[in-house]
């Protein structure tokens, strides 16, 4: 039975679909983090961590650096370690 090409192709297609569903996509992760954030069952620290992670993955916590003049890589690294 496995020697037939169409049977092997069908089995491979089903396995690919199953494997694709095992990995959470971005929308599913956002929904899960939102659910955790709004959940009354989670502790406040867990809710805040979920909110922080949701903001981070959505790009709300991106760092913007504004400077004038010349800046060396060493200065940038030193400043990033201070904050």
PDB file of N, CA and C in Angstrom:
ATOM      1  N   UNK A   1       0.816  -1.195   0.000  1.00  0.00           N
ATOM      2  CA  UNK A   1       0.000   0.000   0.000  1.00  0.00           C
ATOM      3  C   UNK A   1       0.862   1.263   0.000  1.00  0.00           C
ATOM      4  N   UNK A   2       1.969   1.260   0.774  1.00  0.00           N
ATOM      5  CA  UNK A   2       2.842   2.432   0.806  1.00  0.00           C
ATOM      6  C   UNK A   2       3.688   2.568  -0.447  1.00  0.00           C
ATOM      7  N   UNK A   3       3.600   1.600  -1.311  1.00  0.00           N
ATOM      8  CA  UNK A   3       4.352   1.703  -2.556  1.00  0.00           C
ATOM      9  C   UNK A   3       3.625   2.579  -3.574  1.00  0.00           C
ATOM     10  N   UNK A   4       2.367   2.866  -3.324  1.00  0.00           N
ATOM     11  CA  UNK A   4       1.615   3.728  -4.232  1.00  0.00           C
ATOM     12  C   UNK A   4       1.929   5.184  -3.931  1.00  0.00           C
ATOM     13  N   UNK A   5       2.246   5.925  -4.975  1.00  0.00           N
ATOM     14  CA  UNK A   5       2.666   7.320  -4.816  1.00  0.00           C
ATOM     15  C   UNK A   5       1.581   8.192  -4.195  1.00  0.00           C
ATOM     16  N   UNK A   6       0.344   8.029  -4.606  1.00  0.00           N
ATOM     17  CA  UNK A   6      -0.716   8.895  -4.090  1.00  0.00           C
ATOM     18  C   UNK A   6      -0.997   8.626  -2.615  1.00  0.00           C
ATOM     19  N   UNK A   7      -0.804   7.400  -2.156  1.00  0.00           N
ATOM     20  CA  UNK A   7      -0.994   7.091  -0.738  1.00  0.00           C
ATOM     21  C   UNK A   7       0.115   7.730   0.088  1.00  0.00           C
ATOM     22  N   UNK A   8       1.348   7.597  -0.382  1.00  0.00           N
ATOM     23  CA  UNK A   8       2.476   8.231   0.321  1.00  0.00           C
ATOM     24  C   UNK A   8       2.316   9.740   0.357  1.00  0.00           C
ATOM     25  N   UNK A   9       1.863  10.340  -0.754  1.00  0.00           N
ATOM     26  CA  UNK A   9       1.671  11.793  -0.811  1.00  0.00           C
ATOM     27  C   UNK A   9       0.582  12.231   0.165  1.00  0.00           C
ATOM     28  N   UNK A  10      -0.491  11.456   0.270  1.00  0.00           N
ATOM     29  CA  UNK A  10      -1.571  11.789   1.197  1.00  0.00           C
ATOM     30  C   UNK A  10      -1.102  11.705   2.643  1.00  0.00           C
ATOM     31  N   UNK A  11      -0.365  10.668   2.967  1.00  0.00           N
ATOM     32  CA  UNK A  11       0.163  10.513   4.324  1.00  0.00           C
ATOM     33  C   UNK A  11       1.112  11.662   4.658  1.00  0.00           C
ATOM     34  N   UNK A  12       1.980  12.017   3.723  1.00  0.00           N
ATOM     35  CA  UNK A  12       2.922  13.119   3.947  1.00  0.00           C
ATOM     36  C   UNK A  12       2.173  14.436   4.141  1.00  0.00           C
ATOM     37  N   UNK A  13       1.098  14.659   3.389  1.00  0.00           N
ATOM     38  CA  UNK A  13       0.318  15.900   3.520  1.00  0.00           C
ATOM     39  C   UNK A  13      -0.342  15.988   4.890  1.00  0.00           C
ATOM     40  N   UNK A  14      -0.894  14.877   5.367  1.00  0.00           N
ATOM     41  CA  UNK A  14      -1.526  14.854   6.689  1.00  0.00           C
ATOM     42  C   UNK A  14      -0.489  15.105   7.781  1.00  0.00           C
ATOM     43  N   UNK A  15       0.688  14.505   7.647  1.00  0.00           N
ATOM     44  CA  UNK A  15       1.740  14.711   8.636  1.00  0.00           C
ATOM     45  C   UNK A  15       2.215  16.157   8.640  1.00  0.00           C
ATOM     46  N   UNK A  16       2.335  16.780   7.468  1.00  0.00           N
ATOM     47  CA  UNK A  16       2.744  18.177   7.388  1.00  0.00           C
ATOM     48  C   UNK A  16       1.722  19.088   8.058  1.00  0.00           C
ATOM     49  N   UNK A  17       0.438  18.822   7.841  1.00  0.00           N
ATOM     50  CA  UNK A  17      -0.605  19.627   8.476  1.00  0.00           C
ATOM     51  C   UNK A  17      -0.564  19.477   9.991  1.00  0.00           C
ATOM     52  N   UNK A  18      -0.367  18.247  10.450  1.00  0.00           N
ATOM     53  CA  UNK A  18      -0.296  18.007  11.895  1.00  0.00           C
ATOM     54  C   UNK A  18       0.908  18.720  12.497  1.00  0.00           C
ATOM     55  N   UNK A  19       2.048  18.648  11.826  1.00  0.00           N
ATOM     56  CA  UNK A  19       3.251  19.298  12.327  1.00  0.00           C
ATOM     57  C   UNK A  19       3.107  20.816  12.331  1.00  0.00           C
ATOM     58  N   UNK A  20       2.437  21.366  11.339  1.00  0.00           N
ATOM     59  CA  UNK A  20       2.257  22.819  11.264  1.00  0.00           C
ATOM     60  C   UNK A  20       1.392  23.319  12.408  1.00  0.00           C
ATOM     61  N   UNK A  21       0.446  22.518  12.860  1.00  0.00           N
ATOM     62  CA  UNK A  21      -0.443  22.932  13.953  1.00  0.00           C
ATOM     63  C   UNK A  21       0.248  22.852  15.305  1.00  0.00           C
ATOM     64  N   UNK A  22       1.338  22.143  15.407  1.00  0.00           N
ATOM     65  CA  UNK A  22       2.044  22.016  16.675  1.00  0.00           C
ATOM     66  C   UNK A  22       2.797  23.283  17.042  1.00  0.00           C
ATOM     67  N   UNK A  23       3.118  24.109  16.062  1.00  0.00           N
ATOM     68  CA  UNK A  23       3.869  25.334  16.304  1.00  0.00           C
ATOM     69  C   UNK A  23       2.893  26.504  16.372  1.00  0.00           C
ATOM     70  N   UNK A  24       2.933  27.245  17.463  1.00  0.00           N
ATOM     71  CA  UNK A  24       2.033  28.382  17.636  1.00  0.00           C
ATOM     72  C   UNK A  24       2.489  29.536  16.740  1.00  0.00           C
ATOM     73  N   UNK A  25       1.522  30.172  16.092  1.00  0.00           N
ATOM     74  CA  UNK A  25       1.858  31.341  15.284  1.00  0.00           C
ATOM     75  C   UNK A  25       1.731  32.603  16.136  1.00  0.00           C
ATOM     76  N   UNK A  26       2.072  33.744  15.567  1.00  0.00           N
ATOM     77  CA  UNK A  26       2.108  35.005  16.312  1.00  0.00           C
ATOM     78  C   UNK A  26       0.737  35.381  16.857  1.00  0.00           C
ATOM     79  N   UNK A  27      -0.307  35.170  16.069  1.00  0.00           N
ATOM     80  CA  UNK A  27      -1.653  35.527  16.517  1.00  0.00           C
ATOM     81  C   UNK A  27      -2.068  34.677  17.712  1.00  0.00           C
ATOM     82  N   UNK A  28      -1.748  33.390  17.663  1.00  0.00           N
ATOM     83  CA  UNK A  28      -2.092  32.506  18.777  1.00  0.00           C
ATOM     84  C   UNK A  28      -1.344  32.909  20.047  1.00  0.00           C
ATOM     85  N   UNK A  29      -0.087  33.268  19.905  1.00  0.00           N
ATOM     86  CA  UNK A  29       0.704  33.699  21.061  1.00  0.00           C
ATOM     87  C   UNK A  29       0.148  34.991  21.630  1.00  0.00           C
ATOM     88  N   UNK A  30      -0.212  35.950  20.761  1.00  0.00           N
ATOM     89  CA  UNK A  30      -0.804  37.207  21.223  1.00  0.00           C
ATOM     90  C   UNK A  30      -2.107  36.950  21.980  1.00  0.00           C
ATOM     91  N   UNK A  31      -2.932  36.049  21.466  1.00  0.00           N
ATOM     92  CA  UNK A  31      -4.197  35.722  22.141  1.00  0.00           C
ATOM     93  C   UNK A  31      -3.947  35.099  23.507  1.00  0.00           C
ATOM     94  N   UNK A  32      -2.979  34.191  23.569  1.00  0.00           N
ATOM     95  CA  UNK A  32      -2.669  33.541  24.838  1.00  0.00           C
ATOM     96  C   UNK A  32      -2.147  34.549  25.865  1.00  0.00           C
ATOM     97  N   UNK A  33      -1.247  35.431  25.437  1.00  0.00           N
ATOM     98  CA  UNK A  33      -0.724  36.450  26.351  1.00  0.00           C
ATOM     99  C   UNK A  33      -1.823  37.400  26.805  1.00  0.00           C
ATOM    100  N   UNK A  34      -2.728  37.756  25.895  1.00  0.00           N
ATOM    101  CA  UNK A  34      -3.840  38.633  26.254  1.00  0.00           C
ATOM    102  C   UNK A  34      -4.771  37.944  27.245  1.00  0.00           C
ATOM    103  N   UNK A  35      -5.051  36.665  27.004  1.00  0.00           N
ATOM    104  CA  UNK A  35      -5.897  35.908  27.915  1.00  0.00           C
ATOM    105  C   UNK A  35      -5.267  35.829  29.302  1.00  0.00           C
ATOM    106  N   UNK A  36      -3.985  35.568  29.357  1.00  0.00           N
ATOM    107  CA  UNK A  36      -3.281  35.507  30.636  1.00  0.00           C
ATOM    108  C   UNK A  36      -3.284  36.861  31.325  1.00  0.00           C
ATOM    109  N   UNK A  37      -3.081  37.925  30.545  1.00  0.00           N
ATOM    110  CA  UNK A  37      -3.049  39.272  31.099  1.00  0.00           C
ATOM    111  C   UNK A  37      -4.397  39.643  31.718  1.00  0.00           C
ATOM    112  N   UNK A  38      -5.487  39.228  31.099  1.00  0.00           N
ATOM    113  CA  UNK A  38      -6.828  39.575  31.566  1.00  0.00           C
ATOM    114  C   UNK A  38      -7.387  38.584  32.579  1.00  0.00           C
ATOM    115  N   UNK A  39      -6.692  37.491  32.766  1.00  0.00           N
ATOM    116  CA  UNK A  39      -7.187  36.431  33.633  1.00  0.00           C
ATOM    117  C   UNK A  39      -7.176  36.867  35.091  1.00  0.00           C
ATOM    118  N   UNK A  40      -8.268  36.587  35.760  1.00  0.00           N
ATOM    119  CA  UNK A  40      -8.319  36.854  37.187  1.00  0.00           C
ATOM    120  C   UNK A  40      -7.664  35.746  37.986  1.00  0.00           C
ATOM    121  N   UNK A  41      -7.329  34.647  37.322  1.00  0.00           N
ATOM    122  CA  UNK A  41      -6.715  33.510  38.007  1.00  0.00           C
ATOM    123  C   UNK A  41      -5.211  33.669  38.158  1.00  0.00           C
ATOM    124  N   UNK A  42      -4.593  34.467  37.282  1.00  0.00           N
ATOM    125  CA  UNK A  42      -3.134  34.661  37.338  1.00  0.00           C
ATOM    126  C   UNK A  42      -2.799  35.717  38.391  1.00  0.00           C
ATOM    127  N   UNK A  43      -1.609  35.605  38.956  1.00  0.00           N
ATOM    128  CA  UNK A  43      -1.168  36.606  39.929  1.00  0.00           C
ATOM    129  C   UNK A  43      -0.850  37.912  39.201  1.00  0.00           C
ATOM    130  N   UNK A  44      -0.755  38.992  39.969  1.00  0.00           N
ATOM    131  CA  UNK A  44      -0.458  40.290  39.355  1.00  0.00           C
ATOM    132  C   UNK A  44       0.895  40.275  38.661  1.00  0.00           C
ATOM    133  N   UNK A  45       1.874  39.606  39.247  1.00  0.00           N
ATOM    134  CA  UNK A  45       3.199  39.581  38.611  1.00  0.00           C
ATOM    135  C   UNK A  45       3.149  38.812  37.289  1.00  0.00           C
ATOM    136  N   UNK A  46       2.378  37.718  37.242  1.00  0.00           N
ATOM    137  CA  UNK A  46       2.238  36.970  35.987  1.00  0.00           C
ATOM    138  C   UNK A  46       1.499  37.785  34.945  1.00  0.00           C
ATOM    139  N   UNK A  47       0.482  38.528  35.376  1.00  0.00           N
ATOM    140  CA  UNK A  47      -0.274  39.367  34.450  1.00  0.00           C
ATOM    141  C   UNK A  47       0.595  40.495  33.892  1.00  0.00           C
ATOM    142  N   UNK A  48       1.406  41.085  34.758  1.00  0.00           N
ATOM    143  CA  UNK A  48       2.301  42.159  34.304  1.00  0.00           C
ATOM    144  C   UNK A  48       3.375  41.626  33.361  1.00  0.00           C
ATOM    145  N   UNK A  49       3.886  40.430  33.648  1.00  0.00           N
ATOM    146  CA  UNK A  49       4.875  39.820  32.739  1.00  0.00           C
ATOM    147  C   UNK A  49       4.266  39.530  31.379  1.00  0.00           C
ATOM    148  N   UNK A  50       3.025  39.048  31.360  1.00  0.00           N
ATOM    149  CA  UNK A  50       2.344  38.787  30.088  1.00  0.00           C
ATOM    150  C   UNK A  50       2.134  40.094  29.321  1.00  0.00           C
ATOM    151  N   UNK A  51       1.741  41.158  30.027  1.00  0.00           N
ATOM    152  CA  UNK A  51       1.557  42.459  29.388  1.00  0.00           C
ATOM    153  C   UNK A  51       2.878  42.987  28.838  1.00  0.00           C
ATOM    154  N   UNK A  52       3.928  42.851  29.605  1.00  0.00           N
ATOM    155  CA  UNK A  52       5.251  43.300  29.176  1.00  0.00           C
ATOM    156  C   UNK A  52       5.712  42.535  27.936  1.00  0.00           C
ATOM    157  N   UNK A  53       5.521  41.225  27.931  1.00  0.00           N
ATOM    158  CA  UNK A  53       5.922  40.403  26.787  1.00  0.00           C
ATOM    159  C   UNK A  53       5.087  40.738  25.556  1.00  0.00           C
ATOM    160  N   UNK A  54       3.801  40.951  25.742  1.00  0.00           N
ATOM    161  CA  UNK A  54       2.933  41.322  24.630  1.00  0.00           C
ATOM    162  C   UNK A  54       3.367  42.657  24.024  1.00  0.00           C
ATOM    163  N   UNK A  55       3.682  43.612  24.870  1.00  0.00           N
ATOM    164  CA  UNK A  55       4.177  44.907  24.376  1.00  0.00           C
ATOM    165  C   UNK A  55       5.509  44.754  23.654  1.00  0.00           C
ATOM    166  N   UNK A  56       6.367  43.886  24.173  1.00  0.00           N
ATOM    167  CA  UNK A  56       7.682  43.698  23.559  1.00  0.00           C
ATOM    168  C   UNK A  56       7.554  43.082  22.166  1.00  0.00           C
ATOM    169  N   UNK A  57       6.732  42.032  22.030  1.00  0.00           N
ATOM    170  CA  UNK A  57       6.622  41.379  20.735  1.00  0.00           C
ATOM    171  C   UNK A  57       5.884  42.237  19.717  1.00  0.00           C
ATOM    172  N   UNK A  58       5.079  43.178  20.197  1.00  0.00           N
ATOM    173  CA  UNK A  58       4.381  44.078  19.286  1.00  0.00           C
ATOM    174  C   UNK A  58       5.204  45.326  18.967  1.00  0.00           C
ATOM    175  N   UNK A  59       6.394  45.433  19.542  1.00  0.00           N
ATOM    176  CA  UNK A  59       7.297  46.537  19.213  1.00  0.00           C
ATOM    177  C   UNK A  59       7.043  47.808  19.981  1.00  0.00           C
ATOM    178  N   UNK A  60       6.287  47.747  21.027  1.00  0.00           N
ATOM    179  CA  UNK A  60       5.998  48.958  21.802  1.00  0.00           C
ATOM    180  C   UNK A  60       7.128  49.338  22.740  1.00  0.00           C
ATOM    181  N   UNK A  61       8.050  48.433  22.957  1.00  0.00           N
ATOM    182  CA  UNK A  61       9.163  48.718  23.856  1.00  0.00           C
ATOM    183  C   UNK A  61      10.476  48.860  23.091  1.00  0.00           C
ATOM    184  N   UNK A  62      10.400  49.340  21.868  1.00  0.00           N
ATOM    185  CA  UNK A  62      11.634  49.505  21.114  1.00  0.00           C
ATOM    186  C   UNK A  62      12.394  50.708  21.646  1.00  0.00           C
ATOM    187  N   UNK A  63      13.695  50.618  21.593  1.00  0.00           N
ATOM    188  CA  UNK A  63      14.557  51.670  22.130  1.00  0.00           C
ATOM    189  C   UNK A  63      14.946  52.613  20.997  1.00  0.00           C
ATOM    190  N   UNK A  64      14.720  53.872  21.220  1.00  0.00           N
ATOM    191  CA  UNK A  64      15.099  54.877  20.232  1.00  0.00           C
ATOM    192  C   UNK A  64      16.247  55.715  20.810  1.00  0.00           C
ATOM    193  N   UNK A  65      17.300  55.850  20.054  1.00  0.00           N
ATOM    194  CA  UNK A  65      18.471  56.603  20.505  1.00  0.00           C
ATOM    195  C   UNK A  65      18.589  57.857  19.655  1.00  0.00           C
ATOM    196  N   UNK A  66      18.597  58.994  20.320  1.00  0.00           N
ATOM    197  CA  UNK A  66      18.776  60.262  19.638  1.00  0.00           C
ATOM    198  C   UNK A  66      20.064  60.886  20.172  1.00  0.00           C
ATOM    199  N   UNK A  67      20.939  61.274  19.266  1.00  0.00           N
ATOM    200  CA  UNK A  67      22.183  61.883  19.697  1.00  0.00           C
ATOM    201  C   UNK A  67      22.649  62.854  18.624  1.00  0.00           C
ATOM    202  N   UNK A  68      23.540  63.716  19.029  1.00  0.00           N
ATOM    203  CA  UNK A  68      24.163  64.621  18.065  1.00  0.00           C
ATOM    204  C   UNK A  68      25.666  64.506  18.235  1.00  0.00           C
ATOM    205  N   UNK A  69      26.390  64.701  17.171  1.00  0.00           N
ATOM    206  CA  UNK A  69      27.840  64.577  17.227  1.00  0.00           C
ATOM    207  C   UNK A  69      28.282  63.158  16.971  1.00  0.00           C
ATOM    208  N   UNK A  70      29.532  62.876  17.336  1.00  0.00           N
ATOM    209  CA  UNK A  70      30.083  61.550  17.101  1.00  0.00           C
ATOM    210  C   UNK A  70      29.917  60.695  18.345  1.00  0.00           C
ATOM    211  N   UNK A  71      29.602  59.456  18.114  1.00  0.00           N
ATOM    212  CA  UNK A  71      29.397  58.514  19.196  1.00  0.00           C
ATOM    213  C   UNK A  71      30.132  57.231  18.832  1.00  0.00           C
ATOM    214  N   UNK A  72      30.920  56.720  19.753  1.00  0.00           N
ATOM    215  CA  UNK A  72      31.656  55.496  19.474  1.00  0.00           C
ATOM    216  C   UNK A  72      30.857  54.285  19.940  1.00  0.00           C
ATOM    217  N   UNK A  73      31.227  53.143  19.427  1.00  0.00           N
ATOM    218  CA  UNK A  73      30.568  51.910  19.821  1.00  0.00           C
ATOM    219  C   UNK A  73      30.760  51.646  21.311  1.00  0.00           C
ATOM    220  N   UNK A  74      31.902  51.965  21.831  1.00  0.00           N
ATOM    221  CA  UNK A  74      32.173  51.766  23.255  1.00  0.00           C
ATOM    222  C   UNK A  74      31.237  52.612  24.109  1.00  0.00           C
ATOM    223  N   UNK A  75      30.957  53.847  23.671  1.00  0.00           N
ATOM    224  CA  UNK A  75      30.047  54.711  24.420  1.00  0.00           C
ATOM    225  C   UNK A  75      28.615  54.154  24.392  1.00  0.00           C
ATOM    226  N   UNK A  76      28.205  53.667  23.255  1.00  0.00           N
ATOM    227  CA  UNK A  76      26.857  53.105  23.133  1.00  0.00           C
ATOM    228  C   UNK A  76      26.715  51.885  24.037  1.00  0.00           C
ATOM    229  N   UNK A  77      27.717  51.003  24.026  1.00  0.00           N
ATOM    230  CA  UNK A  77      27.667  49.809  24.867  1.00  0.00           C
ATOM    231  C   UNK A  77      27.679  50.176  26.344  1.00  0.00           C
ATOM    232  N   UNK A  78      28.489  51.160  26.734  1.00  0.00           N
ATOM    233  CA  UNK A  78      28.554  51.582  28.121  1.00  0.00           C
ATOM    234  C   UNK A  78      27.211  52.151  28.577  1.00  0.00           C
ATOM    235  N   UNK A  79      26.582  52.953  27.736  1.00  0.00           N
ATOM    236  CA  UNK A  79      25.281  53.526  28.081  1.00  0.00           C
ATOM    237  C   UNK A  79      24.192  52.448  28.159  1.00  0.00           C
ATOM    238  N   UNK A  80      24.250  51.443  27.290  1.00  0.00           N
ATOM    239  CA  UNK A  80      23.237  50.401  27.318  1.00  0.00           C
ATOM    240  C   UNK A  80      23.376  49.529  28.554  1.00  0.00           C
ATOM    241  N   UNK A  81      24.575  49.384  29.058  1.00  0.00           N
ATOM    242  CA  UNK A  81      24.782  48.588  30.263  1.00  0.00           C
ATOM    243  C   UNK A  81      24.333  49.323  31.520  1.00  0.00           C
ATOM    244  N   UNK A  82      24.337  50.657  31.476  1.00  0.00           N
ATOM    245  CA  UNK A  82      23.921  51.454  32.619  1.00  0.00           C
ATOM    246  C   UNK A  82      22.412  51.418  32.815  1.00  0.00           C
ATOM    247  N   UNK A  83      21.664  51.288  31.706  1.00  0.00           N
ATOM    248  CA  UNK A  83      20.196  51.331  31.829  1.00  0.00           C
ATOM    249  C   UNK A  83      19.567  49.980  31.881  1.00  0.00           C
TER     250      UNK A  83
END
